[in-house]
């Protein structure tokens, strides 16, 4: 009987611990999702300063209010959110949380995002918003352009598709340039992919932030009137469901007599210290109208 009593007591203790953990997890989740909903509500009301105030100190050190405004305006499901579906959440402890969600706008556009939150002075703050850009869909928009051509680089472990009236060229071993054929409207735009070694295998950089810092230094030397419009974390979802994370930049600049705009994505493989730099470049007056083609090409990019 004593053994049974002790066993029963132990089961009761375990049950209480499980219940306490569940309550704690539920409390963490409720508070974490509340701060996300509060930020989305502020964005809907065009109260950018309030939305920005709900981010962490680290976020604000790396992202200015102006940059935050540009990023949220770029993605209507963030700035004009009408529905949020929380898909997964987990808390590593009582001071940090990760919440994934799908955001919807009034036009049917969906945007998968991953929020990372941290406690500051016992209040949840948003530390980062990771955007899964190639999972963004709009059911009311026409289908993506047809991309019948595919370039595969087995050495650098990726493939990418592009339109019929485009060509691919390889300026060097680690580069591929996709561009519209000469004499077509798309000849003025290009998609470039560069593969760069990480520091562990002979390169110069260990992190995406180090890479970007150097890029900005180089751009300042070789371009004029450069203006950074957006900079934010990004994720690319692969065919097997895995994600490669990094950052993206959008900026305008002058080169020779040309006024250009570029969308640049910098990724670091998880299984190999290799960086990928993907860049869409177009004249500023053609950027918006050719952006759907660039997005379709990006969505076809498979890193294996």
C-alpha atoms as a PDB file:
ATOM      1  CA  UNK A   1       0.000   0.000   0.000  1.00  0.00           C
ATOM      2  CA  UNK A   2       2.865   2.368   0.743  1.00  0.00           C
ATOM      3  CA  UNK A   3       4.313   1.730  -2.698  1.00  0.00           C
ATOM      4  CA  UNK A   4       0.974   2.460  -4.331  1.00  0.00           C
ATOM      5  CA  UNK A   5       0.615   5.610  -2.303  1.00  0.00           C
ATOM      6  CA  UNK A   6       4.058   6.832  -3.300  1.00  0.00           C
ATOM      7  CA  UNK A   7       3.413   6.021  -6.938  1.00  0.00           C
ATOM      8  CA  UNK A   8       0.083   7.798  -6.807  1.00  0.00           C
ATOM      9  CA  UNK A   9       1.739  10.816  -5.225  1.00  0.00           C
ATOM     10  CA  UNK A  10       4.407  10.853  -7.933  1.00  0.00           C
ATOM     11  CA  UNK A  11       1.758  10.664 -10.672  1.00  0.00           C
ATOM     12  CA  UNK A  12      -0.078  13.534  -9.021  1.00  0.00           C
ATOM     13  CA  UNK A  13       3.104  15.601  -8.897  1.00  0.00           C
ATOM     14  CA  UNK A  14       3.836  14.902 -12.595  1.00  0.00           C
ATOM     15  CA  UNK A  15       0.247  15.793 -13.490  1.00  0.00           C
ATOM     16  CA  UNK A  16       0.510  19.075 -11.629  1.00  0.00           C
ATOM     17  CA  UNK A  17       3.782  19.877 -13.350  1.00  0.00           C
ATOM     18  CA  UNK A  18       2.268  19.173 -16.744  1.00  0.00           C
ATOM     19  CA  UNK A  19      -0.761  21.307 -15.970  1.00  0.00           C
ATOM     20  CA  UNK A  20       1.474  24.115 -14.698  1.00  0.00           C
ATOM     21  CA  UNK A  21       3.611  23.907 -17.828  1.00  0.00           C
ATOM     22  CA  UNK A  22       0.542  23.957 -20.048  1.00  0.00           C
ATOM     23  CA  UNK A  23      -0.878  26.980 -18.214  1.00  0.00           C
ATOM     24  CA  UNK A  24       2.485  28.733 -18.450  1.00  0.00           C
ATOM     25  CA  UNK A  25       2.753  27.958 -22.161  1.00  0.00           C
ATOM     26  CA  UNK A  26      -0.816  29.136 -22.786  1.00  0.00           C
ATOM     27  CA  UNK A  27      -0.111  32.355 -20.858  1.00  0.00           C
ATOM     28  CA  UNK A  28       3.063  32.927 -22.879  1.00  0.00           C
ATOM     29  CA  UNK A  29       1.229  32.319 -26.141  1.00  0.00           C
ATOM     30  CA  UNK A  30      -1.673  34.588 -25.245  1.00  0.00           C
ATOM     31  CA  UNK A  31       0.600  37.481 -24.341  1.00  0.00           C
ATOM     32  CA  UNK A  32       2.861  36.977 -27.351  1.00  0.00           C
ATOM     33  CA  UNK A  33      -0.008  36.870 -29.843  1.00  0.00           C
ATOM     34  CA  UNK A  34      -1.634  39.853 -28.141  1.00  0.00           C
ATOM     35  CA  UNK A  35       1.370  42.071 -28.854  1.00  0.00           C
ATOM     36  CA  UNK A  36       1.333  40.917 -32.502  1.00  0.00           C
ATOM     37  CA  UNK A  37      -2.377  41.697 -32.809  1.00  0.00           C
ATOM     38  CA  UNK A  38      -1.784  45.091 -31.191  1.00  0.00           C
ATOM     39  CA  UNK A  39       0.901  45.916 -33.740  1.00  0.00           C
ATOM     40  CA  UNK A  40      -1.303  44.835 -36.664  1.00  0.00           C
ATOM     41  CA  UNK A  41      -4.147  46.969 -35.293  1.00  0.00           C
ATOM     42  CA  UNK A  42      -1.814  49.976 -35.092  1.00  0.00           C
ATOM     43  CA  UNK A  43      -0.696  49.403 -38.690  1.00  0.00           C
ATOM     44  CA  UNK A  44      -4.324  49.187 -39.847  1.00  0.00           C
ATOM     45  CA  UNK A  45      -4.954  52.530 -38.153  1.00  0.00           C
ATOM     46  CA  UNK A  46      -1.830  53.944 -39.855  1.00  0.00           C
ATOM     47  CA  UNK A  47      -0.314  54.590 -36.431  1.00  0.00           C
ATOM     48  CA  UNK A  48       3.229  53.705 -37.450  1.00  0.00           C
ATOM     49  CA  UNK A  49       4.848  55.141 -34.332  1.00  0.00           C
ATOM     50  CA  UNK A  50       2.709  52.974 -32.052  1.00  0.00           C
ATOM     51  CA  UNK A  51       3.427  49.870 -34.148  1.00  0.00           C
ATOM     52  CA  UNK A  52       7.142  50.674 -34.016  1.00  0.00           C
ATOM     53  CA  UNK A  53       7.001  51.187 -30.241  1.00  0.00           C
ATOM     54  CA  UNK A  54       5.988  47.526 -29.857  1.00  0.00           C
ATOM     55  CA  UNK A  55       9.338  46.363 -31.238  1.00  0.00           C
ATOM     56  CA  UNK A  56      12.395  45.554 -29.140  1.00  0.00           C
ATOM     57  CA  UNK A  57      15.432  47.734 -28.537  1.00  0.00           C
ATOM     58  CA  UNK A  58      17.525  45.445 -30.754  1.00  0.00           C
ATOM     59  CA  UNK A  59      14.974  45.802 -33.543  1.00  0.00           C
ATOM     60  CA  UNK A  60      14.995  49.587 -33.291  1.00  0.00           C
ATOM     61  CA  UNK A  61      18.809  49.731 -33.250  1.00  0.00           C
ATOM     62  CA  UNK A  62      18.960  47.835 -36.550  1.00  0.00           C
ATOM     63  CA  UNK A  63      15.774  49.180 -38.192  1.00  0.00           C
ATOM     64  CA  UNK A  64      14.891  52.861 -38.348  1.00  0.00           C
ATOM     65  CA  UNK A  65      11.311  54.102 -38.192  1.00  0.00           C
ATOM     66  CA  UNK A  66      11.557  55.099 -41.855  1.00  0.00           C
ATOM     67  CA  UNK A  67      12.766  51.650 -42.896  1.00  0.00           C
ATOM     68  CA  UNK A  68      10.050  49.986 -40.782  1.00  0.00           C
ATOM     69  CA  UNK A  69       7.444  52.164 -42.519  1.00  0.00           C
ATOM     70  CA  UNK A  70       8.736  51.233 -45.969  1.00  0.00           C
ATOM     71  CA  UNK A  71       8.788  47.509 -45.182  1.00  0.00           C
ATOM     72  CA  UNK A  72       5.257  47.422 -43.796  1.00  0.00           C
ATOM     73  CA  UNK A  73       3.915  49.460 -46.715  1.00  0.00           C
ATOM     74  CA  UNK A  74       5.572  47.042 -49.128  1.00  0.00           C
ATOM     75  CA  UNK A  75       3.471  44.146 -47.797  1.00  0.00           C
ATOM     76  CA  UNK A  76      -0.304  44.889 -47.721  1.00  0.00           C
ATOM     77  CA  UNK A  77      -1.083  41.927 -45.416  1.00  0.00           C
ATOM     78  CA  UNK A  78       1.031  43.760 -42.815  1.00  0.00           C
ATOM     79  CA  UNK A  79      -0.152  47.324 -43.412  1.00  0.00           C
ATOM     80  CA  UNK A  80      -3.781  46.464 -44.291  1.00  0.00           C
ATOM     81  CA  UNK A  81      -4.282  43.282 -42.327  1.00  0.00           C
ATOM     82  CA  UNK A  82      -7.873  42.035 -42.078  1.00  0.00           C
ATOM     83  CA  UNK A  83      -7.276  38.534 -40.706  1.00  0.00           C
ATOM     84  CA  UNK A  84      -4.518  36.695 -38.868  1.00  0.00           C
ATOM     85  CA  UNK A  85      -4.239  32.928 -38.586  1.00  0.00           C
ATOM     86  CA  UNK A  86      -1.705  31.796 -36.004  1.00  0.00           C
ATOM     87  CA  UNK A  87      -0.332  28.503 -37.251  1.00  0.00           C
ATOM     88  CA  UNK A  88       2.350  27.520 -34.761  1.00  0.00           C
ATOM     89  CA  UNK A  89       3.954  28.863 -31.644  1.00  0.00           C
ATOM     90  CA  UNK A  90       6.603  27.855 -29.199  1.00  0.00           C
ATOM     91  CA  UNK A  91       8.319  29.467 -26.248  1.00  0.00           C
ATOM     92  CA  UNK A  92      11.919  28.601 -25.472  1.00  0.00           C
ATOM     93  CA  UNK A  93      11.429  30.064 -21.992  1.00  0.00           C
ATOM     94  CA  UNK A  94       9.440  32.780 -20.292  1.00  0.00           C
ATOM     95  CA  UNK A  95      11.626  35.475 -21.875  1.00  0.00           C
ATOM     96  CA  UNK A  96      11.462  34.479 -25.549  1.00  0.00           C
ATOM     97  CA  UNK A  97       8.834  33.225 -27.969  1.00  0.00           C
ATOM     98  CA  UNK A  98       8.434  32.353 -31.631  1.00  0.00           C
ATOM     99  CA  UNK A  99       5.051  32.642 -33.331  1.00  0.00           C
ATOM    100  CA  UNK A 100       4.273  31.803 -36.952  1.00  0.00           C
ATOM    101  CA  UNK A 101       1.195  33.150 -38.685  1.00  0.00           C
ATOM    102  CA  UNK A 102      -0.463  33.765 -42.018  1.00  0.00           C
ATOM    103  CA  UNK A 103      -1.591  37.370 -42.593  1.00  0.00           C
ATOM    104  CA  UNK A 104      -4.423  38.300 -44.974  1.00  0.00           C
ATOM    105  CA  UNK A 105      -5.361  41.586 -46.606  1.00  0.00           C
ATOM    106  CA  UNK A 106      -8.670  42.702 -48.129  1.00  0.00           C
ATOM    107  CA  UNK A 107      -7.645  41.611 -51.647  1.00  0.00           C
ATOM    108  CA  UNK A 108      -7.029  37.995 -50.716  1.00  0.00           C
ATOM    109  CA  UNK A 109      -3.240  38.273 -50.474  1.00  0.00           C
ATOM    110  CA  UNK A 110      -1.689  35.932 -47.902  1.00  0.00           C
ATOM    111  CA  UNK A 111       1.719  36.387 -46.319  1.00  0.00           C
ATOM    112  CA  UNK A 112       3.352  33.761 -44.061  1.00  0.00           C
ATOM    113  CA  UNK A 113       5.459  35.388 -41.349  1.00  0.00           C
ATOM    114  CA  UNK A 114       7.480  34.290 -38.349  1.00  0.00           C
ATOM    115  CA  UNK A 115       7.597  36.576 -35.310  1.00  0.00           C
ATOM    116  CA  UNK A 116      10.372  36.391 -32.736  1.00  0.00           C
ATOM    117  CA  UNK A 117       9.559  38.058 -29.428  1.00  0.00           C
ATOM    118  CA  UNK A 118      11.533  38.905 -26.317  1.00  0.00           C
ATOM    119  CA  UNK A 119      10.666  40.177 -22.842  1.00  0.00           C
ATOM    120  CA  UNK A 120      11.852  43.694 -21.995  1.00  0.00           C
ATOM    121  CA  UNK A 121      10.966  45.046 -18.553  1.00  0.00           C
ATOM    122  CA  UNK A 122       8.507  42.151 -18.225  1.00  0.00           C
ATOM    123  CA  UNK A 123       6.656  43.083 -21.420  1.00  0.00           C
ATOM    124  CA  UNK A 124       6.689  41.283 -24.748  1.00  0.00           C
ATOM    125  CA  UNK A 125       8.361  43.134 -27.615  1.00  0.00           C
ATOM    126  CA  UNK A 126       8.744  42.064 -31.246  1.00  0.00           C
ATOM    127  CA  UNK A 127      12.409  41.315 -31.906  1.00  0.00           C
ATOM    128  CA  UNK A 128      12.093  40.401 -35.595  1.00  0.00           C
ATOM    129  CA  UNK A 129       9.537  39.700 -38.326  1.00  0.00           C
ATOM    130  CA  UNK A 130      10.714  37.062 -40.784  1.00  0.00           C
ATOM    131  CA  UNK A 131       8.826  37.255 -44.086  1.00  0.00           C
ATOM    132  CA  UNK A 132       8.436  34.147 -46.260  1.00  0.00           C
ATOM    133  CA  UNK A 133       8.425  36.127 -49.469  1.00  0.00           C
ATOM    134  CA  UNK A 134       8.075  33.273 -51.975  1.00  0.00           C
ATOM    135  CA  UNK A 135       4.994  31.945 -50.144  1.00  0.00           C
ATOM    136  CA  UNK A 136       3.140  35.239 -50.608  1.00  0.00           C
ATOM    137  CA  UNK A 137       0.059  34.658 -52.796  1.00  0.00           C
ATOM    138  CA  UNK A 138      -2.862  36.651 -54.153  1.00  0.00           C
ATOM    139  CA  UNK A 139      -5.833  34.618 -55.320  1.00  0.00           C
ATOM    140  CA  UNK A 140      -7.209  37.594 -57.289  1.00  0.00           C
ATOM    141  CA  UNK A 141      -4.082  38.148 -59.379  1.00  0.00           C
ATOM    142  CA  UNK A 142      -3.325  36.341 -62.654  1.00  0.00           C
ATOM    143  CA  UNK A 143      -1.039  33.333 -62.617  1.00  0.00           C
ATOM    144  CA  UNK A 144       2.703  33.844 -62.659  1.00  0.00           C
ATOM    145  CA  UNK A 145       4.387  34.257 -66.048  1.00  0.00           C
ATOM    146  CA  UNK A 146       5.286  30.968 -67.745  1.00  0.00           C
ATOM    147  CA  UNK A 147       8.917  30.042 -67.104  1.00  0.00           C
ATOM    148  CA  UNK A 148       9.813  27.249 -69.553  1.00  0.00           C
ATOM    149  CA  UNK A 149      13.602  27.568 -69.277  1.00  0.00           C
ATOM    150  CA  UNK A 150      15.596  26.256 -66.320  1.00  0.00           C
ATOM    151  CA  UNK A 151      19.217  26.847 -65.397  1.00  0.00           C
ATOM    152  CA  UNK A 152      20.791  24.282 -63.048  1.00  0.00           C
ATOM    153  CA  UNK A 153      24.114  24.706 -61.272  1.00  0.00           C
ATOM    154  CA  UNK A 154      25.057  21.368 -59.677  1.00  0.00           C
ATOM    155  CA  UNK A 155      28.307  22.704 -58.233  1.00  0.00           C
ATOM    156  CA  UNK A 156      26.632  25.600 -56.414  1.00  0.00           C
ATOM    157  CA  UNK A 157      23.515  23.503 -55.747  1.00  0.00           C
ATOM    158  CA  UNK A 158      20.622  25.499 -57.126  1.00  0.00           C
ATOM    159  CA  UNK A 159      18.268  25.736 -60.077  1.00  0.00           C
ATOM    160  CA  UNK A 160      16.125  28.624 -61.309  1.00  0.00           C
ATOM    161  CA  UNK A 161      13.591  29.066 -64.115  1.00  0.00           C
ATOM    162  CA  UNK A 162      13.121  32.031 -66.432  1.00  0.00           C
ATOM    163  CA  UNK A 163      10.910  33.214 -69.337  1.00  0.00           C
ATOM    164  CA  UNK A 164      11.126  32.031 -72.937  1.00  0.00           C
ATOM    165  CA  UNK A 165      12.467  35.331 -74.282  1.00  0.00           C
ATOM    166  CA  UNK A 166      15.361  35.422 -71.798  1.00  0.00           C
ATOM    167  CA  UNK A 167      18.963  34.171 -71.939  1.00  0.00           C
ATOM    168  CA  UNK A 168      21.363  32.993 -69.249  1.00  0.00           C
ATOM    169  CA  UNK A 169      25.073  33.825 -69.195  1.00  0.00           C
ATOM    170  CA  UNK A 170      27.841  32.861 -66.786  1.00  0.00           C
ATOM    171  CA  UNK A 171      30.327  35.734 -66.354  1.00  0.00           C
ATOM    172  CA  UNK A 172      32.414  33.519 -64.053  1.00  0.00           C
ATOM    173  CA  UNK A 173      32.280  30.240 -62.135  1.00  0.00           C
ATOM    174  CA  UNK A 174      30.158  31.570 -59.270  1.00  0.00           C
ATOM    175  CA  UNK A 175      27.787  33.831 -61.231  1.00  0.00           C
ATOM    176  CA  UNK A 176      24.696  33.543 -63.404  1.00  0.00           C
ATOM    177  CA  UNK A 177      22.925  36.448 -65.128  1.00  0.00           C
ATOM    178  CA  UNK A 178      19.388  36.096 -66.502  1.00  0.00           C
ATOM    179  CA  UNK A 179      18.245  38.833 -68.874  1.00  0.00           C
ATOM    180  CA  UNK A 180      15.675  39.441 -71.592  1.00  0.00           C
ATOM    181  CA  UNK A 181      16.937  38.876 -75.116  1.00  0.00           C
ATOM    182  CA  UNK A 182      18.370  41.882 -76.911  1.00  0.00           C
ATOM    183  CA  UNK A 183      15.631  43.809 -78.708  1.00  0.00           C
ATOM    184  CA  UNK A 184      12.914  42.806 -76.196  1.00  0.00           C
ATOM    185  CA  UNK A 185      11.498  45.050 -73.416  1.00  0.00           C
ATOM    186  CA  UNK A 186      13.024  42.782 -70.738  1.00  0.00           C
ATOM    187  CA  UNK A 187      16.554  43.391 -72.043  1.00  0.00           C
ATOM    188  CA  UNK A 188      16.752  46.344 -69.632  1.00  0.00           C
ATOM    189  CA  UNK A 189      16.199  44.196 -66.541  1.00  0.00           C
ATOM    190  CA  UNK A 190      18.283  41.404 -65.068  1.00  0.00           C
ATOM    191  CA  UNK A 191      18.388  38.731 -62.377  1.00  0.00           C
ATOM    192  CA  UNK A 192      21.861  37.993 -61.001  1.00  0.00           C
ATOM    193  CA  UNK A 193      22.862  35.170 -58.667  1.00  0.00           C
ATOM    194  CA  UNK A 194      26.277  35.146 -57.045  1.00  0.00           C
ATOM    195  CA  UNK A 195      27.661  32.307 -54.923  1.00  0.00           C
ATOM    196  CA  UNK A 196      30.246  33.430 -52.359  1.00  0.00           C
ATOM    197  CA  UNK A 197      32.305  31.317 -49.965  1.00  0.00           C
ATOM    198  CA  UNK A 198      31.856  31.838 -46.226  1.00  0.00           C
ATOM    199  CA  UNK A 199      34.760  32.501 -43.895  1.00  0.00           C
ATOM    200  CA  UNK A 200      35.114  28.882 -42.781  1.00  0.00           C
ATOM    201  CA  UNK A 201      36.085  27.800 -46.289  1.00  0.00           C
ATOM    202  CA  UNK A 202      38.241  30.711 -47.390  1.00  0.00           C
ATOM    203  CA  UNK A 203      35.788  33.602 -47.739  1.00  0.00           C
ATOM    204  CA  UNK A 204      35.680  36.905 -45.874  1.00  0.00           C
ATOM    205  CA  UNK A 205      32.353  36.818 -44.040  1.00  0.00           C
ATOM    206  CA  UNK A 206      30.711  34.689 -41.371  1.00  0.00           C
ATOM    207  CA  UNK A 207      27.257  36.290 -41.157  1.00  0.00           C
ATOM    208  CA  UNK A 208      24.707  37.931 -43.413  1.00  0.00           C
ATOM    209  CA  UNK A 209      25.106  41.206 -41.498  1.00  0.00           C
ATOM    210  CA  UNK A 210      28.870  41.234 -42.129  1.00  0.00           C
ATOM    211  CA  UNK A 211      28.201  40.572 -45.810  1.00  0.00           C
ATOM    212  CA  UNK A 212      25.691  43.421 -46.078  1.00  0.00           C
ATOM    213  CA  UNK A 213      27.945  45.879 -44.255  1.00  0.00           C
ATOM    214  CA  UNK A 214      30.692  45.266 -46.799  1.00  0.00           C
ATOM    215  CA  UNK A 215      28.250  45.472 -49.723  1.00  0.00           C
ATOM    216  CA  UNK A 216      27.094  48.898 -48.591  1.00  0.00           C
ATOM    217  CA  UNK A 217      30.693  50.074 -48.315  1.00  0.00           C
ATOM    218  CA  UNK A 218      31.436  48.903 -51.861  1.00  0.00           C
ATOM    219  CA  UNK A 219      28.246  50.402 -53.276  1.00  0.00           C
ATOM    220  CA  UNK A 220      29.121  53.745 -51.711  1.00  0.00           C
ATOM    221  CA  UNK A 221      32.392  53.722 -53.658  1.00  0.00           C
ATOM    222  CA  UNK A 222      31.064  52.751 -57.069  1.00  0.00           C
ATOM    223  CA  UNK A 223      27.580  54.286 -57.296  1.00  0.00           C
ATOM    224  CA  UNK A 224      26.033  57.708 -56.841  1.00  0.00           C
ATOM    225  CA  UNK A 225      22.999  58.926 -54.911  1.00  0.00           C
ATOM    226  CA  UNK A 226      22.347  55.535 -53.340  1.00  0.00           C
ATOM    227  CA  UNK A 227      19.239  55.469 -51.161  1.00  0.00           C
ATOM    228  CA  UNK A 228      18.244  52.440 -49.088  1.00  0.00           C
ATOM    229  CA  UNK A 229      14.467  52.055 -49.021  1.00  0.00           C
ATOM    230  CA  UNK A 230      13.976  48.739 -47.227  1.00  0.00           C
ATOM    231  CA  UNK A 231      16.015  46.237 -45.231  1.00  0.00           C
ATOM    232  CA  UNK A 232      14.474  43.319 -43.359  1.00  0.00           C
ATOM    233  CA  UNK A 233      14.823  39.591 -42.561  1.00  0.00           C
ATOM    234  CA  UNK A 234      13.572  37.153 -45.182  1.00  0.00           C
ATOM    235  CA  UNK A 235      13.064  33.415 -45.638  1.00  0.00           C
ATOM    236  CA  UNK A 236      12.978  31.355 -48.820  1.00  0.00           C
ATOM    237  CA  UNK A 237      10.946  28.145 -48.597  1.00  0.00           C
ATOM    238  CA  UNK A 238      12.360  25.254 -50.591  1.00  0.00           C
ATOM    239  CA  UNK A 239      10.540  22.421 -52.367  1.00  0.00           C
ATOM    240  CA  UNK A 240      11.117  20.086 -49.405  1.00  0.00           C
ATOM    241  CA  UNK A 241       9.573  22.606 -47.003  1.00  0.00           C
ATOM    242  CA  UNK A 242      12.852  23.707 -45.427  1.00  0.00           C
ATOM    243  CA  UNK A 243      13.745  27.378 -45.143  1.00  0.00           C
ATOM    244  CA  UNK A 244      16.896  29.342 -45.831  1.00  0.00           C
ATOM    245  CA  UNK A 245      17.023  32.653 -44.002  1.00  0.00           C
ATOM    246  CA  UNK A 246      18.792  35.937 -44.605  1.00  0.00           C
ATOM    247  CA  UNK A 247      17.984  39.575 -45.334  1.00  0.00           C
ATOM    248  CA  UNK A 248      16.782  41.629 -48.259  1.00  0.00           C
ATOM    249  CA  UNK A 249      17.566  45.165 -49.377  1.00  0.00           C
ATOM    250  CA  UNK A 250      15.746  47.475 -51.762  1.00  0.00           C
ATOM    251  CA  UNK A 251      17.596  50.579 -52.901  1.00  0.00           C
ATOM    252  CA  UNK A 252      17.890  53.111 -55.715  1.00  0.00           C
ATOM    253  CA  UNK A 253      21.106  54.482 -57.182  1.00  0.00           C
ATOM    254  CA  UNK A 254      22.693  56.124 -60.203  1.00  0.00           C
ATOM    255  CA  UNK A 255      25.294  54.338 -62.291  1.00  0.00           C
ATOM    256  CA  UNK A 256      26.781  56.267 -65.224  1.00  0.00           C
ATOM    257  CA  UNK A 257      23.741  57.987 -66.754  1.00  0.00           C
ATOM    258  CA  UNK A 258      21.245  55.356 -65.523  1.00  0.00           C
ATOM    259  CA  UNK A 259      18.793  55.637 -62.604  1.00  0.00           C
ATOM    260  CA  UNK A 260      18.316  52.098 -61.294  1.00  0.00           C
ATOM    261  CA  UNK A 261      16.448  50.235 -58.570  1.00  0.00           C
ATOM    262  CA  UNK A 262      17.541  46.913 -57.100  1.00  0.00           C
ATOM    263  CA  UNK A 263      15.941  44.250 -54.908  1.00  0.00           C
ATOM    264  CA  UNK A 264      18.660  42.163 -53.337  1.00  0.00           C
ATOM    265  CA  UNK A 265      18.429  39.013 -51.219  1.00  0.00           C
ATOM    266  CA  UNK A 266      21.373  37.639 -49.236  1.00  0.00           C
ATOM    267  CA  UNK A 267      21.087  34.100 -47.866  1.00  0.00           C
ATOM    268  CA  UNK A 268      23.439  31.824 -45.908  1.00  0.00           C
ATOM    269  CA  UNK A 269      23.087  28.049 -46.236  1.00  0.00           C
ATOM    270  CA  UNK A 270      22.541  26.180 -42.954  1.00  0.00           C
ATOM    271  CA  UNK A 271      24.482  23.090 -44.012  1.00  0.00           C
ATOM    272  CA  UNK A 272      27.413  24.822 -45.714  1.00  0.00           C
ATOM    273  CA  UNK A 273      29.170  28.191 -45.145  1.00  0.00           C
ATOM    274  CA  UNK A 274      28.066  29.487 -48.553  1.00  0.00           C
ATOM    275  CA  UNK A 275      26.291  32.776 -49.309  1.00  0.00           C
ATOM    276  CA  UNK A 276      23.860  33.355 -52.149  1.00  0.00           C
ATOM    277  CA  UNK A 277      23.242  36.864 -53.449  1.00  0.00           C
ATOM    278  CA  UNK A 278      20.119  37.161 -55.638  1.00  0.00           C
ATOM    279  CA  UNK A 279      19.501  40.548 -57.259  1.00  0.00           C
ATOM    280  CA  UNK A 280      16.770  41.973 -59.478  1.00  0.00           C
ATOM    281  CA  UNK A 281      17.831  45.212 -61.199  1.00  0.00           C
ATOM    282  CA  UNK A 282      15.711  47.473 -63.406  1.00  0.00           C
ATOM    283  CA  UNK A 283      15.520  51.120 -64.478  1.00  0.00           C
ATOM    284  CA  UNK A 284      13.518  52.954 -61.841  1.00  0.00           C
ATOM    285  CA  UNK A 285      10.711  53.716 -64.300  1.00  0.00           C
ATOM    286  CA  UNK A 286      10.352  49.993 -65.189  1.00  0.00           C
ATOM    287  CA  UNK A 287      10.819  48.453 -61.746  1.00  0.00           C
ATOM    288  CA  UNK A 288       7.175  48.171 -60.650  1.00  0.00           C
ATOM    289  CA  UNK A 289       5.853  46.837 -63.959  1.00  0.00           C
ATOM    290  CA  UNK A 290       8.564  44.167 -64.244  1.00  0.00           C
ATOM    291  CA  UNK A 291       8.503  43.179 -60.547  1.00  0.00           C
ATOM    292  CA  UNK A 292       5.901  40.363 -61.083  1.00  0.00           C
ATOM    293  CA  UNK A 293       8.299  38.632 -63.482  1.00  0.00           C
ATOM    294  CA  UNK A 294      11.126  38.949 -60.949  1.00  0.00           C
ATOM    295  CA  UNK A 295       8.920  37.487 -58.203  1.00  0.00           C
ATOM    296  CA  UNK A 296       7.944  34.553 -60.423  1.00  0.00           C
ATOM    297  CA  UNK A 297      11.608  33.830 -61.126  1.00  0.00           C
ATOM    298  CA  UNK A 298      12.395  34.081 -57.403  1.00  0.00           C
ATOM    299  CA  UNK A 299       9.604  31.629 -56.590  1.00  0.00           C
ATOM    300  CA  UNK A 300      11.160  29.113 -58.979  1.00  0.00           C
ATOM    301  CA  UNK A 301      14.574  29.296 -57.285  1.00  0.00           C
ATOM    302  CA  UNK A 302      15.363  25.921 -55.698  1.00  0.00           C
ATOM    303  CA  UNK A 303      18.438  25.550 -53.480  1.00  0.00           C
ATOM    304  CA  UNK A 304      19.274  21.896 -52.908  1.00  0.00           C
END
